[in-house]
Amino acid sequence: MPPVKKDHNPTGKRGRPRPESNTSLRPDSARGTAAIPKDVDPRFCGLRDAVKRGWYRLEAGELFAGFQVSRKDVVLDVGCGEGNAALFCARQGAHVVCSDADAGKIKALAKKMKEAGARKFEAFISDSLPLPLPDAYATKILCTEMLEHTPDPGKIMAELVRVGKPNARYLITVPDARSERLQMHVADPLYFSAPNHIQIFDRERFLRLVEDAGLAVLKYDTWGFYWTVFMSLFWIAKRQEHLQGAILDSIKPPYPPVLQSWANTWAGLMELNGAEKLMESFDQYLPKTQVIIAEKRKFIGSVI
């Protein structure tokens, strides 16, 4: 196992368990057109939805459509959580560097990395302020569903830019404000307090955050209508429970009937001919997540 290095300040955002984090829910397991079972694991349904929307494109070596990772890359995943994105990059043979404030997440990921195929793996326990890395270190930088957890997203972005090589590519995601505001009326207050979501980003604020950091935005996209509805129903189904810590830890079997029914419905929709355009419209008008691909350039100028 590679050494796990502790940063001087391991406090901050806790790791973010992700819906597809179970080892049986790997991206490559979501492919194919097998018959849908009577009850679909809602996490697996969400993973299949992600694959359809451009995530984990194994044949193209793209973590997300337009964001390719290869063996020559040094990939930094800041706020890596359970490490699904990092593991995808490792399977492309890249040098992978992971940072998270949760020591348990880092140690668990280090074990998974043993057989993932990375040409080199490094891991740090850090709140990312600062990142324990030299300037101009990585060619690809990932920051997915992390900025909403931090009190100062601008400082995090400055660190991401500092450690990127010239022409480095960035894949950054945050929850969409429309989904967040919808859930505010029904969510447990814990969801909008530390260690969960303490920032809300609409499109304008998200783009401005990335551009003000000195990056050129190459692509902006949205996705995740499935998860917007799922989480909204989740709050109703779980309203009598005392939730603690990272909320997504609570997304696990057994599922309340309303959540299971929603997963089954969405899984069935994905199998229908002609459903793609409808699903794309859902993802455009009420998405769970915003995605930006950006580049570190000498002369800044977004192209979208």
Protein backbone atom coordinates (compact mmCIF):
# COMPACT_ATOMS: atom_id res chain seq x y z
CA MET A 1 0.00 0.00 0.00
CA PRO A 2 1.37 3.46 -0.82
CA PRO A 3 2.08 5.71 2.15
CA VAL A 4 -0.77 7.91 3.31
CA LYS A 5 0.54 11.36 4.13
CA LYS A 6 -1.16 13.60 6.67
CA ASP A 7 -1.47 17.27 5.98
CA HIS A 8 -1.02 19.74 8.79
CA ASN A 9 -4.74 20.53 8.89
CA PRO A 10 -6.96 17.47 8.42
CA THR A 11 -10.14 19.29 9.37
CA GLY A 12 -12.86 20.41 7.03
CA LYS A 13 -15.43 18.79 4.80
CA ARG A 14 -16.09 15.17 5.55
CA GLY A 15 -15.93 12.62 2.76
CA ARG A 16 -18.92 12.51 0.49
CA PRO A 17 -20.30 9.02 -0.01
CA ARG A 18 -21.65 8.86 -3.53
CA PRO A 19 -24.71 6.96 -4.65
CA GLU A 20 -22.66 4.63 -6.90
CA SER A 21 -19.93 3.95 -4.35
CA ASN A 22 -20.77 0.29 -3.66
CA THR A 23 -18.14 -1.95 -5.28
CA SER A 24 -20.88 -3.91 -7.00
CA LEU A 25 -22.00 -0.70 -8.69
CA ARG A 26 -18.88 -0.05 -10.78
CA PRO A 27 -19.47 2.01 -13.96
CA ASP A 28 -18.66 -0.93 -16.25
CA SER A 29 -21.37 -2.97 -14.53
CA ALA A 30 -24.00 -0.44 -15.61
CA ARG A 31 -23.62 -1.17 -19.30
CA GLY A 32 -25.64 -3.52 -21.43
CA THR A 33 -29.33 -3.98 -22.12
CA ALA A 34 -30.24 -6.86 -19.82
CA ALA A 35 -33.87 -7.13 -18.74
CA ILE A 36 -34.74 -4.86 -15.83
CA PRO A 37 -35.44 -6.85 -12.64
CA LYS A 38 -38.62 -6.18 -10.68
CA ASP A 39 -36.81 -3.99 -8.16
CA VAL A 40 -33.73 -2.01 -9.21
CA ASP A 41 -31.25 -0.78 -6.61
CA PRO A 42 -31.77 3.02 -6.75
CA ARG A 43 -28.00 3.58 -6.64
CA PHE A 44 -27.47 1.30 -9.62
CA CYS A 45 -30.28 3.05 -11.46
CA GLY A 46 -28.52 6.37 -10.84
CA LEU A 47 -25.26 4.93 -12.12
CA ARG A 48 -26.89 3.69 -15.32
CA ASP A 49 -28.40 7.13 -15.76
CA ALA A 50 -24.95 8.70 -15.33
CA VAL A 51 -23.45 6.42 -17.98
CA LYS A 52 -26.22 7.36 -20.41
CA ARG A 53 -25.52 11.05 -19.78
CA GLY A 54 -21.83 10.82 -20.63
CA TRP A 55 -20.06 9.64 -17.48
CA TYR A 56 -17.56 6.75 -17.36
CA ARG A 57 -17.09 6.36 -21.12
CA LEU A 58 -14.76 3.38 -20.96
CA GLU A 59 -14.28 2.91 -24.70
CA ALA A 60 -13.20 6.54 -25.16
CA GLY A 61 -11.28 6.77 -21.90
CA GLU A 62 -13.47 9.72 -20.88
CA LEU A 63 -14.50 10.25 -17.29
CA PHE A 64 -17.13 12.61 -18.70
CA ALA A 65 -17.88 13.34 -22.35
CA GLY A 66 -15.06 15.61 -23.52
CA PHE A 67 -12.77 14.92 -20.54
CA GLN A 68 -10.32 12.21 -21.58
CA VAL A 69 -7.81 10.59 -19.23
CA SER A 70 -4.80 8.58 -20.38
CA ARG A 71 -1.71 6.89 -18.99
CA LYS A 72 0.38 10.02 -19.52
CA ASP A 73 -1.81 12.09 -17.18
CA VAL A 74 -1.23 13.06 -13.58
CA VAL A 75 -4.77 13.20 -12.19
CA LEU A 76 -5.57 15.02 -8.95
CA ASP A 77 -8.95 14.30 -7.34
CA VAL A 78 -9.64 16.89 -4.63
CA GLY A 79 -12.33 15.82 -2.18
CA CYS A 80 -12.23 12.34 -3.68
CA GLY A 81 -14.70 10.73 -1.27
CA GLU A 82 -15.02 7.03 -2.03
CA GLY A 83 -13.01 7.49 -5.20
CA ASN A 84 -15.13 6.30 -8.11
CA ALA A 85 -13.74 8.98 -10.41
CA ALA A 86 -10.19 8.33 -9.22
CA LEU A 87 -10.58 4.59 -9.78
CA PHE A 88 -11.82 5.20 -13.33
CA CYS A 89 -8.68 7.27 -13.99
CA ALA A 90 -6.50 4.58 -12.44
CA ARG A 91 -7.98 2.03 -14.84
CA GLN A 92 -6.74 4.23 -17.68
CA GLY A 93 -3.23 3.78 -16.27
CA ALA A 94 -2.84 7.37 -15.06
CA HIS A 95 -0.78 8.60 -12.12
CA VAL A 96 -3.54 9.31 -9.58
CA VAL A 97 -3.33 11.67 -6.60
CA CYS A 98 -6.23 11.80 -4.12
CA SER A 99 -6.99 14.27 -1.36
CA ASP A 100 -9.82 14.23 1.17
CA ALA A 101 -10.39 15.44 4.72
CA ASP A 102 -11.77 12.03 5.75
CA ALA A 103 -8.91 9.69 6.73
CA GLY A 104 -11.17 6.65 6.54
CA LYS A 105 -12.09 7.38 2.93
CA ILE A 106 -8.44 7.79 1.96
CA LYS A 107 -7.38 4.52 3.62
CA ALA A 108 -10.23 2.58 2.02
CA LEU A 109 -9.42 4.03 -1.40
CA ALA A 110 -5.74 3.15 -1.04
CA LYS A 111 -6.76 -0.52 -0.68
CA LYS A 112 -8.96 -0.38 -3.78
CA MET A 113 -6.15 1.22 -5.78
CA LYS A 114 -3.88 -1.82 -5.40
CA GLU A 115 -5.45 -3.58 -8.37
CA ALA A 116 -6.88 -0.60 -10.26
CA GLY A 117 -3.94 -0.23 -12.67
CA ALA A 118 -2.63 3.25 -11.85
CA ARG A 119 1.02 3.71 -12.83
CA LYS A 120 1.44 5.57 -9.54
CA PHE A 121 -0.85 6.43 -6.62
CA GLU A 122 -0.53 9.10 -3.94
CA ALA A 123 -3.00 9.98 -1.19
CA PHE A 124 -3.24 12.84 1.28
CA ILE A 125 -5.49 13.61 4.23
CA SER A 126 -6.12 17.31 3.73
CA ASP A 127 -8.78 20.00 3.77
CA SER A 128 -7.15 21.36 0.58
CA LEU A 129 -6.14 24.68 2.15
CA PRO A 130 -3.43 24.37 1.12
CA LEU A 131 -3.01 21.25 -0.97
CA PRO A 132 0.23 19.46 0.01
CA LEU A 133 1.55 19.56 -3.56
CA PRO A 134 4.01 21.75 -5.51
CA ASP A 135 2.96 24.22 -8.17
CA ALA A 136 2.16 22.91 -11.67
CA TYR A 137 1.88 19.26 -10.59
CA ALA A 138 -1.18 17.77 -12.32
CA THR A 139 -2.44 17.63 -15.90
CA LYS A 140 -6.04 16.73 -14.97
CA ILE A 141 -7.82 18.05 -11.88
CA LEU A 142 -11.12 16.72 -10.55
CA CYS A 143 -13.31 18.55 -8.05
CA THR A 144 -16.71 16.87 -8.02
CA GLU A 145 -19.47 17.71 -5.54
CA MET A 146 -16.98 19.29 -3.16
CA LEU A 147 -17.18 23.09 -3.43
CA GLU A 148 -20.66 23.24 -1.90
CA HIS A 149 -19.18 21.83 1.33
CA THR A 150 -16.50 24.47 1.85
CA PRO A 151 -16.86 27.93 3.44
CA ASP A 152 -14.53 29.54 0.87
CA PRO A 153 -14.87 28.05 -2.63
CA GLY A 154 -12.66 30.80 -4.09
CA LYS A 155 -9.68 29.72 -2.00
CA ILE A 156 -10.18 26.10 -3.05
CA MET A 157 -10.28 27.15 -6.70
CA ALA A 158 -7.07 29.14 -6.27
CA GLU A 159 -5.36 26.00 -4.97
CA LEU A 160 -6.68 23.92 -7.87
CA VAL A 161 -5.27 26.43 -10.33
CA ARG A 162 -1.93 26.61 -8.52
CA VAL A 163 -1.28 22.87 -8.76
CA GLY A 164 -2.35 22.57 -12.41
CA LYS A 165 0.25 22.47 -15.16
CA PRO A 166 -0.08 24.91 -18.07
CA ASN A 167 -2.99 23.72 -20.25
CA ALA A 168 -4.24 21.41 -17.48
CA ARG A 169 -7.87 20.36 -17.83
CA TYR A 170 -10.37 20.63 -14.98
CA LEU A 171 -13.60 18.70 -14.36
CA ILE A 172 -15.66 20.52 -11.73
CA THR A 173 -19.20 19.76 -10.57
CA VAL A 174 -21.57 21.31 -8.04
CA PRO A 175 -25.26 20.81 -7.22
CA ASP A 176 -27.63 22.90 -9.32
CA ALA A 177 -29.43 25.71 -7.49
CA ARG A 178 -32.82 24.65 -8.87
CA SER A 179 -32.54 21.23 -7.27
CA GLU A 180 -31.24 22.68 -4.01
CA ARG A 181 -34.05 25.22 -3.74
CA LEU A 182 -36.67 22.60 -4.48
CA GLN A 183 -35.35 20.42 -1.66
CA MET A 184 -35.09 23.30 0.82
CA HIS A 185 -38.83 23.13 1.47
CA VAL A 186 -38.73 19.47 2.54
CA ALA A 187 -35.12 18.64 3.47
CA ASP A 188 -33.80 18.01 6.94
CA PRO A 189 -32.03 21.25 8.01
CA LEU A 190 -28.87 19.17 8.42
CA TYR A 191 -28.61 18.94 4.64
CA PHE A 192 -27.95 22.66 4.37
CA SER A 193 -25.43 22.87 7.20
CA ALA A 194 -21.89 21.55 7.69
CA PRO A 195 -20.66 18.95 6.81
CA ASN A 196 -23.24 18.93 4.02
CA HIS A 197 -24.23 21.79 1.69
CA ILE A 198 -23.32 25.30 2.85
CA GLN A 199 -23.04 26.88 -0.63
CA ILE A 200 -25.62 27.11 -3.42
CA PHE A 201 -24.51 27.78 -7.00
CA ASP A 202 -26.68 28.93 -9.85
CA ARG A 203 -25.18 28.85 -13.34
CA GLU A 204 -23.94 32.45 -13.19
CA ARG A 205 -22.19 32.04 -9.85
CA PHE A 206 -20.61 28.72 -10.86
CA LEU A 207 -19.23 30.08 -14.14
CA ARG A 208 -17.97 33.22 -12.43
CA LEU A 209 -16.21 31.18 -9.73
CA VAL A 210 -14.32 29.15 -12.33
CA GLU A 211 -13.46 32.09 -14.57
CA ASP A 212 -12.42 34.36 -11.69
CA ALA A 213 -9.94 31.67 -10.68
CA GLY A 214 -8.24 32.14 -14.05
CA LEU A 215 -9.62 29.18 -16.00
CA ALA A 216 -11.17 29.14 -19.46
CA VAL A 217 -14.52 27.33 -19.54
CA LEU A 218 -14.67 24.85 -22.42
CA LYS A 219 -17.98 23.16 -21.66
CA TYR A 220 -20.98 23.61 -19.38
CA ASP A 221 -23.59 20.88 -18.91
CA THR A 222 -26.23 19.68 -16.47
CA TRP A 223 -27.62 16.29 -15.54
CA GLY A 224 -29.24 14.34 -12.70
CA PHE A 225 -33.02 14.90 -12.83
CA TYR A 226 -33.33 11.35 -11.49
CA TRP A 227 -31.46 12.33 -8.33
CA THR A 228 -33.39 15.59 -7.91
CA VAL A 229 -36.65 13.66 -7.68
CA PHE A 230 -35.09 10.86 -5.64
CA MET A 231 -33.73 13.23 -2.99
CA SER A 232 -36.95 15.23 -2.83
CA LEU A 233 -38.88 12.02 -2.15
CA PHE A 234 -36.15 10.88 0.23
CA TRP A 235 -36.86 13.76 2.60
CA ILE A 236 -40.55 12.91 2.76
CA ALA A 237 -39.88 9.20 3.28
CA LYS A 238 -37.26 9.84 5.97
CA ARG A 239 -38.89 12.79 7.75
CA GLN A 240 -39.38 10.84 11.00
CA GLU A 241 -35.78 9.64 11.17
CA HIS A 242 -32.96 11.36 13.02
CA LEU A 243 -30.30 11.83 10.34
CA GLN A 244 -26.70 12.58 11.18
CA GLY A 245 -23.42 13.30 9.38
CA ALA A 246 -23.07 13.03 5.62
CA ILE A 247 -26.64 12.59 4.35
CA LEU A 248 -25.76 10.28 1.48
CA ASP A 249 -24.66 7.68 4.03
CA SER A 250 -28.38 7.11 4.54
CA ILE A 251 -29.00 6.09 0.92
CA LYS A 252 -28.82 2.33 1.35
CA PRO A 253 -31.14 -0.68 1.55
CA PRO A 254 -33.82 -1.24 2.62
CA TYR A 255 -35.46 1.53 0.60
CA PRO A 256 -38.86 3.04 1.41
CA PRO A 257 -41.48 1.95 -1.16
CA VAL A 258 -41.75 5.40 -2.74
CA LEU A 259 -38.00 5.49 -3.48
CA GLN A 260 -38.02 1.95 -4.82
CA SER A 261 -40.98 2.79 -7.03
CA TRP A 262 -39.22 5.86 -8.43
CA ALA A 263 -36.07 3.86 -9.24
CA ASN A 264 -38.13 1.19 -10.99
CA THR A 265 -39.99 3.85 -12.99
CA TRP A 266 -36.79 5.57 -14.12
CA ALA A 267 -35.13 2.26 -14.97
CA GLY A 268 -38.12 1.40 -17.12
CA LEU A 269 -38.01 4.79 -18.84
CA MET A 270 -34.35 4.28 -19.75
CA GLU A 271 -35.34 1.13 -21.64
CA LEU A 272 -37.97 2.83 -23.82
CA ASN A 273 -37.15 3.72 -27.40
CA GLY A 274 -37.15 7.48 -27.86
CA ALA A 275 -36.74 8.26 -24.15
CA GLU A 276 -33.34 9.92 -24.57
CA LYS A 277 -34.70 13.31 -25.65
CA LEU A 278 -37.16 13.40 -22.77
CA MET A 279 -34.42 12.50 -20.28
CA GLU A 280 -32.16 15.20 -21.72
CA SER A 281 -34.96 17.74 -21.27
CA PHE A 282 -35.45 16.68 -17.67
CA ASP A 283 -31.70 17.07 -17.08
CA GLN A 284 -31.73 20.52 -18.65
CA TYR A 285 -34.68 21.99 -16.76
CA LEU A 286 -34.40 20.40 -13.30
CA PRO A 287 -30.90 18.92 -12.96
CA LYS A 288 -29.22 17.75 -9.80
CA THR A 289 -25.71 18.66 -10.95
CA GLN A 290 -23.84 21.26 -13.02
CA VAL A 291 -20.66 20.24 -14.83
CA ILE A 292 -17.83 22.42 -16.12
CA ILE A 293 -14.80 21.37 -18.15
CA ALA A 294 -12.17 24.11 -18.03
CA GLU A 295 -8.55 24.71 -19.02
CA LYS A 296 -5.63 26.58 -17.49
CA ARG A 297 -4.44 28.98 -20.19
CA LYS A 298 -1.91 31.76 -20.41
CA PHE A 299 -4.52 33.95 -22.09
CA ILE A 300 -7.96 33.49 -20.58
CA GLY A 301 -11.09 33.39 -22.66
CA SER A 302 -14.01 31.01 -22.26
CA VAL A 303 -15.33 29.38 -25.39
CA ILE A 304 -18.92 28.58 -24.38
